[in-house]
Amino acid sequence: MWRFVAVFLLGGILGTGFGVAVGFFAFPYVFPPPEAMETLAEEEGGDLVAAGTFIHANPSDPIHYGSGAVSVYEEIVRLESDFEVGPGPAFHVYLVPKAEIRESDDVKGTMFVDLGRLRAFKGSQNYPVPEGLTLSDFGSVVIWCKEFDVLISPADLDFKAS
């Protein structure tokens, strides 16, 4: 009888843990947040300074991915309408001085500017650039998971595109 109770309790604990874990991963897919569709008036952001494209930094990682274009204006960083990242907690948009970021360690320990929390996993979004920032000092825009200190998707900036 004792073994039956122990196996029953252990199975209940493991089953509950597994169910919670599956729920964390399935929730954003079952109840996806609405797509962002912010507009940008021509006079709002100033002149185009740089552009880039988000990439899947680690193709062997199916959870942390990103794609789509980013445009950097004098006053706004704009994630374009084709922007998309895999869902997760506490994603932020960073301006990072280093170019060609491909690993989390490339961001850790460097100076960066946090433009704010990602508002949606898909669609166009605008993030204001802090006053007094020299945009040419920043080679990348990065989507970063602040909760787990993980690189989600980097975009190398091309200043010749402007």
C-alpha atoms as a PDB file:
ATOM      1  CA  MET A   1       0.000   0.000   0.000  1.00  0.00           C
ATOM      2  CA  TRP A   2       2.864   2.394   0.896  1.00  0.00           C
ATOM      3  CA  ARG A   3       4.466   1.921  -2.548  1.00  0.00           C
ATOM      4  CA  PHE A   4       1.183   2.639  -4.303  1.00  0.00           C
ATOM      5  CA  VAL A   5       0.763   5.927  -2.399  1.00  0.00           C
ATOM      6  CA  ALA A   6       4.413   6.940  -3.060  1.00  0.00           C
ATOM      7  CA  VAL A   7       4.137   6.173  -6.800  1.00  0.00           C
ATOM      8  CA  PHE A   8       0.794   7.990  -6.968  1.00  0.00           C
ATOM      9  CA  LEU A   9       2.208  11.115  -5.262  1.00  0.00           C
ATOM     10  CA  LEU A  10       5.407  11.074  -7.338  1.00  0.00           C
ATOM     11  CA  GLY A  11       3.388  10.695 -10.544  1.00  0.00           C
ATOM     12  CA  GLY A  12       1.126  13.554  -9.512  1.00  0.00           C
ATOM     13  CA  ILE A  13       4.080  15.855  -8.780  1.00  0.00           C
ATOM     14  CA  LEU A  14       5.907  14.980 -12.013  1.00  0.00           C
ATOM     15  CA  GLY A  15       2.710  15.241 -14.062  1.00  0.00           C
ATOM     16  CA  THR A  16       1.893  18.638 -12.593  1.00  0.00           C
ATOM     17  CA  GLY A  17       5.438  19.887 -13.255  1.00  0.00           C
ATOM     18  CA  PHE A  18       5.305  18.643 -16.848  1.00  0.00           C
ATOM     19  CA  GLY A  19       1.882  20.226 -17.380  1.00  0.00           C
ATOM     20  CA  VAL A  20       3.062  23.606 -16.073  1.00  0.00           C
ATOM     21  CA  ALA A  21       6.178  23.480 -18.301  1.00  0.00           C
ATOM     22  CA  VAL A  22       4.110  22.658 -21.381  1.00  0.00           C
ATOM     23  CA  GLY A  23       1.710  25.452 -20.449  1.00  0.00           C
ATOM     24  CA  PHE A  24       4.517  28.030 -20.319  1.00  0.00           C
ATOM     25  CA  PHE A  25       5.663  27.114 -23.820  1.00  0.00           C
ATOM     26  CA  ALA A  26       2.204  26.611 -25.342  1.00  0.00           C
ATOM     27  CA  PHE A  27       0.494  29.714 -23.919  1.00  0.00           C
ATOM     28  CA  PRO A  28       1.889  32.263 -26.451  1.00  0.00           C
ATOM     29  CA  TYR A  29       0.920  29.955 -29.330  1.00  0.00           C
ATOM     30  CA  VAL A  30      -2.575  29.218 -28.036  1.00  0.00           C
ATOM     31  CA  PHE A  31      -3.283  32.853 -27.045  1.00  0.00           C
ATOM     32  CA  PRO A  32      -1.012  34.925 -29.329  1.00  0.00           C
ATOM     33  CA  PRO A  33      -0.769  38.633 -28.570  1.00  0.00           C
ATOM     34  CA  PRO A  34      -2.109  41.014 -31.210  1.00  0.00           C
ATOM     35  CA  GLU A  35       0.244  42.056 -33.978  1.00  0.00           C
ATOM     36  CA  ALA A  36       1.706  45.524 -33.563  1.00  0.00           C
ATOM     37  CA  MET A  37       1.002  47.911 -36.420  1.00  0.00           C
ATOM     38  CA  GLU A  38       2.416  51.293 -35.459  1.00  0.00           C
ATOM     39  CA  THR A  39       2.726  53.916 -38.153  1.00  0.00           C
ATOM     40  CA  LEU A  40       5.515  56.415 -38.675  1.00  0.00           C
ATOM     41  CA  ALA A  41       4.780  59.861 -40.040  1.00  0.00           C
ATOM     42  CA  GLU A  42       7.608  61.112 -42.239  1.00  0.00           C
ATOM     43  CA  GLU A  43       8.315  64.123 -40.022  1.00  0.00           C
ATOM     44  CA  GLU A  44       8.112  62.045 -36.834  1.00  0.00           C
ATOM     45  CA  GLY A  45      11.388  60.126 -36.906  1.00  0.00           C
ATOM     46  CA  GLY A  46      13.699  62.427 -38.807  1.00  0.00           C
ATOM     47  CA  ASP A  47      16.079  61.209 -41.514  1.00  0.00           C
ATOM     48  CA  LEU A  48      17.002  57.550 -42.004  1.00  0.00           C
ATOM     49  CA  VAL A  49      20.406  56.918 -40.403  1.00  0.00           C
ATOM     50  CA  ALA A  50      20.868  53.141 -40.757  1.00  0.00           C
ATOM     51  CA  ALA A  51      19.050  49.912 -41.594  1.00  0.00           C
ATOM     52  CA  GLY A  52      19.488  46.228 -40.842  1.00  0.00           C
ATOM     53  CA  THR A  53      17.853  42.815 -40.812  1.00  0.00           C
ATOM     54  CA  PHE A  54      17.249  40.574 -37.802  1.00  0.00           C
ATOM     55  CA  ILE A  55      18.710  37.087 -38.107  1.00  0.00           C
ATOM     56  CA  HIS A  56      18.425  33.729 -36.390  1.00  0.00           C
ATOM     57  CA  ALA A  57      21.742  33.901 -34.514  1.00  0.00           C
ATOM     58  CA  ASN A  58      21.803  30.224 -33.480  1.00  0.00           C
ATOM     59  CA  PRO A  59      20.037  27.997 -36.052  1.00  0.00           C
ATOM     60  CA  SER A  60      20.267  24.987 -33.711  1.00  0.00           C
ATOM     61  CA  ASP A  61      18.020  26.832 -31.218  1.00  0.00           C
ATOM     62  CA  PRO A  62      14.385  26.580 -32.411  1.00  0.00           C
ATOM     63  CA  ILE A  63      13.019  28.816 -29.621  1.00  0.00           C
ATOM     64  CA  HIS A  64      15.166  31.954 -29.953  1.00  0.00           C
ATOM     65  CA  TYR A  65      14.758  33.300 -33.465  1.00  0.00           C
ATOM     66  CA  GLY A  66      13.994  36.542 -35.220  1.00  0.00           C
ATOM     67  CA  SER A  67      13.538  37.979 -38.687  1.00  0.00           C
ATOM     68  CA  GLY A  68      12.543  41.183 -40.398  1.00  0.00           C
ATOM     69  CA  ALA A  69      13.887  44.650 -41.009  1.00  0.00           C
ATOM     70  CA  VAL A  70      14.871  47.436 -38.647  1.00  0.00           C
ATOM     71  CA  SER A  71      15.273  51.088 -39.609  1.00  0.00           C
ATOM     72  CA  VAL A  72      17.091  53.606 -37.441  1.00  0.00           C
ATOM     73  CA  TYR A  73      16.012  57.211 -37.773  1.00  0.00           C
ATOM     74  CA  GLU A  74      17.427  60.244 -35.945  1.00  0.00           C
ATOM     75  CA  GLU A  75      14.761  59.991 -33.247  1.00  0.00           C
ATOM     76  CA  ILE A  76      13.239  56.501 -33.608  1.00  0.00           C
ATOM     77  CA  VAL A  77      14.269  52.869 -33.972  1.00  0.00           C
ATOM     78  CA  ARG A  78      11.571  51.200 -36.054  1.00  0.00           C
ATOM     79  CA  LEU A  79      10.958  47.468 -36.238  1.00  0.00           C
ATOM     80  CA  GLU A  80       9.297  47.118 -39.634  1.00  0.00           C
ATOM     81  CA  SER A  81       6.041  45.309 -40.491  1.00  0.00           C
ATOM     82  CA  ASP A  82       7.880  42.066 -41.418  1.00  0.00           C
ATOM     83  CA  PHE A  83       9.502  41.874 -37.942  1.00  0.00           C
ATOM     84  CA  GLU A  84       8.903  38.673 -35.964  1.00  0.00           C
ATOM     85  CA  VAL A  85      10.508  36.879 -33.002  1.00  0.00           C
ATOM     86  CA  GLY A  86       9.665  33.685 -31.146  1.00  0.00           C
ATOM     87  CA  PRO A  87       7.558  34.433 -28.046  1.00  0.00           C
ATOM     88  CA  GLY A  88       9.063  34.658 -24.591  1.00  0.00           C
ATOM     89  CA  PRO A  89       9.203  36.692 -21.384  1.00  0.00           C
ATOM     90  CA  ALA A  90      10.734  40.138 -20.836  1.00  0.00           C
ATOM     91  CA  PHE A  91      12.111  40.818 -24.332  1.00  0.00           C
ATOM     92  CA  HIS A  92      13.824  44.200 -24.707  1.00  0.00           C
ATOM     93  CA  VAL A  93      15.196  46.205 -27.639  1.00  0.00           C
ATOM     94  CA  TYR A  94      18.852  47.188 -27.182  1.00  0.00           C
ATOM     95  CA  LEU A  95      21.222  49.396 -29.140  1.00  0.00           C
ATOM     96  CA  VAL A  96      24.654  47.765 -28.825  1.00  0.00           C
ATOM     97  CA  PRO A  97      27.950  49.364 -29.908  1.00  0.00           C
ATOM     98  CA  LYS A  98      29.394  46.100 -31.216  1.00  0.00           C
ATOM     99  CA  ALA A  99      28.596  44.873 -34.725  1.00  0.00           C
ATOM    100  CA  GLU A 100      28.159  41.244 -35.800  1.00  0.00           C
ATOM    101  CA  ILE A 101      26.709  39.972 -32.537  1.00  0.00           C
ATOM    102  CA  ARG A 102      26.052  36.235 -32.751  1.00  0.00           C
ATOM    103  CA  GLU A 103      26.151  34.989 -29.117  1.00  0.00           C
ATOM    104  CA  SER A 104      24.814  36.121 -25.753  1.00  0.00           C
ATOM    105  CA  ASP A 105      28.380  36.670 -24.536  1.00  0.00           C
ATOM    106  CA  ASP A 106      28.819  39.353 -27.223  1.00  0.00           C
ATOM    107  CA  VAL A 107      26.239  41.495 -25.379  1.00  0.00           C
ATOM    108  CA  LYS A 108      27.041  40.612 -21.757  1.00  0.00           C
ATOM    109  CA  GLY A 109      29.527  42.976 -20.196  1.00  0.00           C
ATOM    110  CA  THR A 110      29.175  45.631 -22.922  1.00  0.00           C
ATOM    111  CA  MET A 111      27.575  49.025 -22.679  1.00  0.00           C
ATOM    112  CA  PHE A 112      24.169  49.123 -24.359  1.00  0.00           C
ATOM    113  CA  VAL A 113      21.120  51.353 -24.474  1.00  0.00           C
ATOM    114  CA  ASP A 114      17.822  49.749 -23.480  1.00  0.00           C
ATOM    115  CA  LEU A 115      15.103  51.268 -25.662  1.00  0.00           C
ATOM    116  CA  GLY A 116      12.346  49.500 -23.758  1.00  0.00           C
ATOM    117  CA  ARG A 117      10.337  46.331 -23.552  1.00  0.00           C
ATOM    118  CA  LEU A 118       9.268  44.679 -26.805  1.00  0.00           C
ATOM    119  CA  ARG A 119       5.566  45.484 -27.235  1.00  0.00           C
ATOM    120  CA  ALA A 120       4.677  42.622 -29.595  1.00  0.00           C
ATOM    121  CA  PHE A 121       6.353  39.558 -31.098  1.00  0.00           C
ATOM    122  CA  LYS A 122       5.284  40.535 -34.599  1.00  0.00           C
ATOM    123  CA  GLY A 123       4.690  43.703 -36.606  1.00  0.00           C
ATOM    124  CA  SER A 124       5.881  47.298 -36.814  1.00  0.00           C
ATOM    125  CA  GLN A 125       6.890  49.061 -33.615  1.00  0.00           C
ATOM    126  CA  ASN A 126       8.611  52.372 -32.826  1.00  0.00           C
ATOM    127  CA  TYR A 127      11.075  52.991 -30.004  1.00  0.00           C
ATOM    128  CA  PRO A 128      12.285  56.536 -29.235  1.00  0.00           C
ATOM    129  CA  VAL A 129      16.039  57.178 -29.277  1.00  0.00           C
ATOM    130  CA  PRO A 130      17.257  58.980 -26.134  1.00  0.00           C
ATOM    131  CA  GLU A 131      18.383  62.565 -26.717  1.00  0.00           C
ATOM    132  CA  GLY A 132      22.091  63.158 -27.133  1.00  0.00           C
ATOM    133  CA  LEU A 133      22.845  59.653 -28.408  1.00  0.00           C
ATOM    134  CA  THR A 134      25.354  59.345 -31.260  1.00  0.00           C
ATOM    135  CA  LEU A 135      23.749  56.628 -33.383  1.00  0.00           C
ATOM    136  CA  SER A 136      26.912  55.978 -35.410  1.00  0.00           C
ATOM    137  CA  ASP A 137      28.477  54.567 -32.197  1.00  0.00           C
ATOM    138  CA  PHE A 138      26.045  51.624 -32.267  1.00  0.00           C
ATOM    139  CA  GLY A 139      26.597  48.772 -34.720  1.00  0.00           C
ATOM    140  CA  SER A 140      23.625  46.567 -33.794  1.00  0.00           C
ATOM    141  CA  VAL A 141      20.025  46.484 -32.681  1.00  0.00           C
ATOM    142  CA  VAL A 142      19.379  43.432 -30.515  1.00  0.00           C
ATOM    143  CA  ILE A 143      16.296  41.701 -29.157  1.00  0.00           C
ATOM    144  CA  TRP A 144      17.327  40.461 -25.705  1.00  0.00           C
ATOM    145  CA  CYS A 145      15.551  38.343 -23.081  1.00  0.00           C
ATOM    146  CA  LYS A 146      16.207  40.229 -19.850  1.00  0.00           C
ATOM    147  CA  GLU A 147      14.681  37.463 -17.723  1.00  0.00           C
ATOM    148  CA  PHE A 148      17.198  34.785 -18.779  1.00  0.00           C
ATOM    149  CA  ASP A 149      20.054  36.961 -20.195  1.00  0.00           C
ATOM    150  CA  VAL A 150      19.747  35.358 -23.630  1.00  0.00           C
ATOM    151  CA  LEU A 151      20.253  36.774 -27.121  1.00  0.00           C
ATOM    152  CA  ILE A 152      17.068  36.358 -29.144  1.00  0.00           C
ATOM    153  CA  SER A 153      17.933  38.039 -32.438  1.00  0.00           C
ATOM    154  CA  PRO A 154      20.582  40.561 -33.575  1.00  0.00           C
ATOM    155  CA  ALA A 155      20.476  42.968 -36.522  1.00  0.00           C
ATOM    156  CA  ASP A 156      23.711  44.445 -37.854  1.00  0.00           C
ATOM    157  CA  LEU A 157      23.265  48.086 -38.850  1.00  0.00           C
ATOM    158  CA  ASP A 158      24.348  49.369 -42.256  1.00  0.00           C
ATOM    159  CA  PHE A 159      24.978  53.113 -42.094  1.00  0.00           C
ATOM    160  CA  LYS A 160      25.508  53.292 -45.861  1.00  0.00           C
ATOM    161  CA  ALA A 161      21.826  52.446 -46.385  1.00  0.00           C
ATOM    162  CA  SER A 162      20.754  55.961 -45.457  1.00  0.00           C
END
